[in-house]
């Protein structure tokens, strides 16, 4: 049976389709030192022209020592689905530099399911993504070249890192709890790294979001303030008395901030809480695609978090 390889469908448009890209990314990544023990990232997923600088500053912190698996969770931009997550059905992932193996073993375990209780199987919450949906989605693919570059710069062999892309759409809190508990057993493994693919505020009429905090001066400062409120929630240490998942959900509900990866981030927080593991992101970089000063302007924010 031939290997089913996911093509790099956004190469040549969202990022350069050339081997010279590796040297470019290495130069960006080499500006910062590794932070020992760093395994998890929040990383933007726009075109590299817009977010490559911010993106690289998060990846540069990753400690690839003994990393054998990478779970990438991203939001669905083109299809809506509810109360389940979708897993890549490919066997390998193409980049301009080589192919990542997909963690087929983990995918099959999740899809096959098991019994979290005597009455409920969790296999229905994990399905295989349609190939066309997988190839259309950019939030997952945009991480592949940067992950390859970061791994090789730090002396790791990307062909030995099994990657599982997971697409997240709309889950209830109950489903987040079930899916999170299942994923937690893998996330707790020190050889597993997690990338949460997310841009931050999408501001402007074309995004249907024009909230302004009037006391903050120019519009771009208001956007920055809103984004930093979200970042502050994610950088606080979790406590038994204060669910970070609940705080995150409340922030999104109160502000409506158009953080496209808010659901993958929420699912990750839920998973970590299920095993009482604290999550305290630090922030390597924050930027905006443009500085909005008029209601006619628009921008997308990018933040690189790590822990």
Protein backbone atom coordinates (compact mmCIF):
# COMPACT_ATOMS: atom_id res chain seq x y z
CA UNK A 1 0.00 0.00 0.00
CA UNK A 2 1.51 3.34 -1.07
CA UNK A 3 2.12 6.12 1.43
CA UNK A 4 -0.48 8.89 1.37
CA UNK A 5 1.42 12.19 1.49
CA UNK A 6 -0.27 15.51 2.21
CA UNK A 7 1.07 18.00 -0.35
CA UNK A 8 2.33 21.42 0.75
CA UNK A 9 -0.67 23.19 -0.78
CA UNK A 10 0.22 26.65 0.55
CA UNK A 11 3.87 26.59 -0.53
CA UNK A 12 4.67 29.23 -3.11
CA UNK A 13 1.92 31.53 -1.86
CA UNK A 14 1.80 31.67 1.93
CA UNK A 15 5.50 30.83 2.23
CA UNK A 16 8.32 30.32 -0.31
CA UNK A 17 8.46 26.97 -2.06
CA UNK A 18 12.23 26.65 -2.11
CA UNK A 19 15.00 24.97 -0.15
CA UNK A 20 16.61 28.38 0.45
CA UNK A 21 13.77 29.03 2.87
CA UNK A 22 15.53 26.78 5.40
CA UNK A 23 18.51 29.13 5.68
CA UNK A 24 16.19 32.11 6.01
CA UNK A 25 14.26 30.45 8.83
CA UNK A 26 17.46 29.30 10.55
CA UNK A 27 18.66 32.91 10.66
CA UNK A 28 15.39 34.04 12.24
CA UNK A 29 15.40 31.18 14.75
CA UNK A 30 19.06 31.62 15.73
CA UNK A 31 18.40 35.05 17.27
CA UNK A 32 17.17 33.54 20.55
CA UNK A 33 18.39 30.83 22.88
CA UNK A 34 16.53 27.67 23.79
CA UNK A 35 14.67 27.74 27.10
CA UNK A 36 15.29 24.39 28.77
CA UNK A 37 12.19 22.24 29.07
CA UNK A 38 10.05 24.29 26.68
CA UNK A 39 7.66 21.93 24.89
CA UNK A 40 4.50 23.85 24.05
CA UNK A 41 3.76 26.82 21.79
CA UNK A 42 1.05 29.23 20.78
CA UNK A 43 2.02 30.19 17.25
CA UNK A 44 0.43 32.36 14.52
CA UNK A 45 -0.45 30.95 11.12
CA UNK A 46 -0.59 33.82 8.63
CA UNK A 47 1.73 34.10 5.64
CA UNK A 48 5.36 34.19 6.70
CA UNK A 49 5.71 37.72 5.31
CA UNK A 50 3.26 38.87 7.98
CA UNK A 51 3.95 36.65 10.98
CA UNK A 52 7.23 34.85 10.29
CA UNK A 53 9.20 37.08 12.66
CA UNK A 54 6.79 36.57 15.55
CA UNK A 55 6.39 32.89 14.78
CA UNK A 56 10.13 32.21 14.78
CA UNK A 57 10.62 33.86 18.16
CA UNK A 58 8.36 31.30 19.78
CA UNK A 59 9.87 28.30 17.98
CA UNK A 60 13.38 29.45 18.89
CA UNK A 61 12.63 28.71 22.56
CA UNK A 62 11.70 25.05 22.06
CA UNK A 63 13.89 22.42 23.68
CA UNK A 64 13.84 19.49 21.24
CA UNK A 65 15.69 17.14 23.60
CA UNK A 66 13.91 13.76 23.43
CA UNK A 67 10.94 15.17 21.46
CA UNK A 68 9.37 12.25 19.58
CA UNK A 69 5.84 13.48 18.93
CA UNK A 70 4.26 16.81 18.01
CA UNK A 71 0.52 17.40 18.26
CA UNK A 72 -0.61 20.46 16.28
CA UNK A 73 -4.09 21.78 17.04
CA UNK A 74 -5.57 24.45 14.80
CA UNK A 75 -8.94 26.07 14.07
CA UNK A 76 -11.07 25.16 11.08
CA UNK A 77 -11.37 28.10 8.67
CA UNK A 78 -13.45 26.47 5.92
CA UNK A 79 -15.79 23.89 7.44
CA UNK A 80 -18.01 23.89 10.53
CA UNK A 81 -18.37 20.82 12.68
CA UNK A 82 -19.49 20.30 16.23
CA UNK A 83 -18.56 18.27 19.30
CA UNK A 84 -15.65 16.34 17.82
CA UNK A 85 -12.15 16.93 16.51
CA UNK A 86 -10.80 15.85 13.14
CA UNK A 87 -7.42 14.19 12.62
CA UNK A 88 -5.30 14.21 9.48
CA UNK A 89 -5.79 11.06 7.41
CA UNK A 90 -2.46 11.34 5.63
CA UNK A 91 0.61 9.22 6.38
CA UNK A 92 3.18 11.99 5.84
CA UNK A 93 3.30 15.79 5.57
CA UNK A 94 5.24 17.50 2.80
CA UNK A 95 7.44 20.52 3.48
CA UNK A 96 9.94 22.21 1.12
CA UNK A 97 12.66 20.35 3.02
CA UNK A 98 11.30 16.83 3.46
CA UNK A 99 8.39 14.88 4.90
CA UNK A 100 7.22 14.64 8.50
CA UNK A 101 5.75 11.24 9.41
CA UNK A 102 2.19 11.41 10.69
CA UNK A 103 1.62 9.72 14.05
CA UNK A 104 -0.61 7.05 12.53
CA UNK A 105 -0.46 4.91 15.67
CA UNK A 106 -1.85 7.70 17.85
CA UNK A 107 -4.46 8.64 15.25
CA UNK A 108 -5.70 5.05 15.09
CA UNK A 109 -5.82 4.79 18.88
CA UNK A 110 -7.95 7.92 19.12
CA UNK A 111 -10.32 6.97 16.29
CA UNK A 112 -10.72 3.42 17.60
CA UNK A 113 -11.56 4.84 21.00
CA UNK A 114 -11.90 3.32 24.40
CA UNK A 115 -14.07 3.51 27.46
CA UNK A 116 -13.64 6.50 29.73
CA UNK A 117 -16.46 5.05 31.82
CA UNK A 118 -18.52 1.88 31.64
CA UNK A 119 -21.21 3.70 29.69
CA UNK A 120 -19.39 6.03 27.28
CA UNK A 121 -16.91 5.42 24.50
CA UNK A 122 -14.92 8.41 23.29
CA UNK A 123 -14.26 7.24 19.72
CA UNK A 124 -17.16 9.34 18.39
CA UNK A 125 -15.28 12.52 19.36
CA UNK A 126 -12.32 11.69 17.09
CA UNK A 127 -12.83 11.42 13.32
CA UNK A 128 -10.56 11.46 10.28
CA UNK A 129 -10.50 14.68 8.29
CA UNK A 130 -11.61 14.72 4.66
CA UNK A 131 -8.52 15.03 2.46
CA UNK A 132 -9.81 18.14 0.68
CA UNK A 133 -10.52 19.84 4.01
CA UNK A 134 -7.03 18.94 5.19
CA UNK A 135 -5.38 20.36 2.07
CA UNK A 136 -7.46 23.56 2.13
CA UNK A 137 -6.70 24.34 5.78
CA UNK A 138 -3.72 26.62 6.39
CA UNK A 139 -3.67 26.78 10.20
CA UNK A 140 -1.98 23.38 10.45
CA UNK A 141 0.29 23.47 7.39
CA UNK A 142 1.82 26.84 8.26
CA UNK A 143 3.49 25.21 11.28
CA UNK A 144 5.23 22.44 9.31
CA UNK A 145 8.14 24.35 7.68
CA UNK A 146 8.90 26.35 10.84
CA UNK A 147 8.83 23.19 12.95
CA UNK A 148 11.24 21.49 10.55
CA UNK A 149 13.59 24.48 10.58
CA UNK A 150 13.55 24.78 14.38
CA UNK A 151 14.18 21.06 14.87
CA UNK A 152 17.12 20.94 12.45
CA UNK A 153 18.68 24.09 13.89
CA UNK A 154 18.67 22.47 17.34
CA UNK A 155 20.16 19.21 16.07
CA UNK A 156 16.96 17.15 16.05
CA UNK A 157 15.97 14.84 13.18
CA UNK A 158 12.51 15.90 11.89
CA UNK A 159 11.99 12.52 10.24
CA UNK A 160 11.96 11.04 13.75
CA UNK A 161 9.23 13.39 15.03
CA UNK A 162 5.75 11.94 14.50
CA UNK A 163 3.26 14.75 13.89
CA UNK A 164 -0.50 14.58 14.42
CA UNK A 165 -2.48 17.54 13.03
CA UNK A 166 -5.84 18.03 14.78
CA UNK A 167 -8.56 20.38 13.53
CA UNK A 168 -10.91 21.93 16.10
CA UNK A 169 -14.23 23.64 15.35
CA UNK A 170 -17.06 24.06 17.88
CA UNK A 171 -17.17 21.91 21.00
CA UNK A 172 -19.36 22.23 24.05
CA UNK A 173 -17.59 22.50 27.39
CA UNK A 174 -18.68 18.93 28.13
CA UNK A 175 -17.04 17.64 24.95
CA UNK A 176 -13.91 19.68 25.64
CA UNK A 177 -13.73 17.92 29.00
CA UNK A 178 -14.02 14.45 27.44
CA UNK A 179 -11.63 15.12 24.54
CA UNK A 180 -9.24 16.98 26.83
CA UNK A 181 -9.10 14.09 29.27
CA UNK A 182 -8.28 11.67 26.46
CA UNK A 183 -5.57 13.91 24.98
CA UNK A 184 -4.09 14.64 28.40
CA UNK A 185 -2.60 11.16 28.70
CA UNK A 186 -0.45 11.95 25.65
CA UNK A 187 0.21 15.62 26.43
CA UNK A 188 1.61 14.65 29.82
CA UNK A 189 4.35 12.64 28.08
CA UNK A 190 7.59 14.64 28.21
CA UNK A 191 8.48 13.46 24.69
CA UNK A 192 5.36 15.17 23.30
CA UNK A 193 5.30 18.80 22.23
CA UNK A 194 2.13 20.73 21.39
CA UNK A 195 1.63 23.60 18.97
CA UNK A 196 -1.56 25.63 19.29
CA UNK A 197 -1.99 27.39 15.97
CA UNK A 198 -3.69 30.75 16.45
CA UNK A 199 -3.64 34.35 15.33
CA UNK A 200 -4.98 36.90 17.79
CA UNK A 201 -7.39 39.80 17.17
CA UNK A 202 -8.81 40.18 13.66
CA UNK A 203 -9.94 43.80 13.73
CA UNK A 204 -11.91 45.73 11.13
CA UNK A 205 -15.21 45.80 9.30
CA UNK A 206 -14.12 43.03 6.96
CA UNK A 207 -13.79 40.77 10.02
CA UNK A 208 -17.03 41.98 11.58
CA UNK A 209 -15.21 43.15 14.70
CA UNK A 210 -14.63 46.82 15.56
CA UNK A 211 -14.66 46.88 19.37
CA UNK A 212 -12.62 49.79 20.75
CA UNK A 213 -11.51 50.56 24.31
CA UNK A 214 -11.83 54.34 24.12
CA UNK A 215 -9.47 55.07 27.01
CA UNK A 216 -6.56 53.44 25.16
CA UNK A 217 -5.92 56.12 22.53
CA UNK A 218 -5.35 55.00 18.92
CA UNK A 219 -7.29 51.95 17.74
CA UNK A 220 -4.16 49.81 17.47
CA UNK A 221 -3.42 50.48 21.15
CA UNK A 222 -6.92 49.34 22.05
CA UNK A 223 -6.39 46.14 20.08
CA UNK A 224 -3.06 45.59 21.82
CA UNK A 225 -4.69 46.06 25.22
CA UNK A 226 -7.41 43.51 24.43
CA UNK A 227 -4.87 40.99 23.18
CA UNK A 228 -2.67 41.45 26.22
CA UNK A 229 -5.62 40.80 28.52
CA UNK A 230 -5.94 37.41 26.82
CA UNK A 231 -2.21 36.82 27.05
CA UNK A 232 -2.26 37.64 30.77
CA UNK A 233 -4.85 34.91 31.38
CA UNK A 234 -2.65 32.40 29.60
CA UNK A 235 0.51 33.38 31.46
CA UNK A 236 -1.01 33.01 34.93
CA UNK A 237 -0.29 29.77 36.74
CA UNK A 238 -3.26 27.46 37.07
CA UNK A 239 -4.72 26.96 40.54
CA UNK A 240 -7.14 24.38 41.87
CA UNK A 241 -9.62 27.10 42.83
CA UNK A 242 -9.54 29.00 39.55
CA UNK A 243 -10.03 27.14 36.26
CA UNK A 244 -7.99 28.79 33.53
CA UNK A 245 -10.28 27.14 30.99
CA UNK A 246 -13.26 28.93 32.56
CA UNK A 247 -11.40 32.25 32.70
CA UNK A 248 -10.45 31.87 29.03
CA UNK A 249 -14.02 31.10 27.98
CA UNK A 250 -15.34 34.05 29.98
CA UNK A 251 -12.80 36.42 28.42
CA UNK A 252 -13.85 35.38 24.90
CA UNK A 253 -17.53 35.71 25.81
CA UNK A 254 -17.07 39.14 27.41
CA UNK A 255 -14.87 40.71 24.73
CA UNK A 256 -15.75 38.78 21.60
CA UNK A 257 -12.06 39.03 20.68
CA UNK A 258 -11.64 37.31 17.33
CA UNK A 259 -8.80 35.00 18.35
CA UNK A 260 -9.24 32.35 15.68
CA UNK A 261 -7.52 29.61 17.69
CA UNK A 262 -9.41 30.27 20.90
CA UNK A 263 -11.05 26.83 20.75
CA UNK A 264 -7.83 24.81 20.32
CA UNK A 265 -6.31 26.90 23.11
CA UNK A 266 -9.33 26.23 25.33
CA UNK A 267 -9.19 22.51 24.60
CA UNK A 268 -5.51 22.43 25.55
CA UNK A 269 -6.21 24.23 28.84
CA UNK A 270 -9.00 21.77 29.58
CA UNK A 271 -6.69 18.83 28.86
CA UNK A 272 -3.94 20.10 31.14
CA UNK A 273 -6.39 20.82 33.95
CA UNK A 274 -7.69 17.25 33.78
CA UNK A 275 -4.26 16.01 34.92
CA UNK A 276 -3.68 18.94 37.29
CA UNK A 277 -0.80 20.22 35.20
CA UNK A 278 -0.19 23.96 35.39
CA UNK A 279 0.01 26.00 32.20
CA UNK A 280 1.88 29.30 32.36
CA UNK A 281 2.80 30.65 28.95
CA UNK A 282 5.53 33.21 28.53
CA UNK A 283 5.46 35.55 25.56
CA UNK A 284 8.33 35.82 23.12
CA UNK A 285 6.82 38.37 20.75
CA UNK A 286 3.67 40.28 19.79
CA UNK A 287 2.94 42.16 16.57
CA UNK A 288 0.16 43.48 14.35
CA UNK A 289 -0.08 43.29 10.57
CA UNK A 290 -0.80 47.04 10.48
CA UNK A 291 -1.49 49.91 12.88
CA UNK A 292 -5.19 50.75 12.78
CA UNK A 293 -6.01 54.41 13.33
CA UNK A 294 -9.32 54.63 11.44
CA UNK A 295 -12.54 52.57 11.40
CA UNK A 296 -11.74 51.90 7.74
CA UNK A 297 -8.48 50.12 8.65
CA UNK A 298 -8.01 46.45 9.47
CA UNK A 299 -5.34 44.31 11.08
CA UNK A 300 -4.52 40.87 12.43
CA UNK A 301 -2.51 40.39 15.63
CA UNK A 302 0.16 37.74 16.18
CA UNK A 303 1.51 36.43 19.48
CA UNK A 304 4.15 33.78 20.17
CA UNK A 305 3.77 32.01 23.50
CA UNK A 306 5.84 29.19 24.99
CA UNK A 307 6.21 27.08 28.13
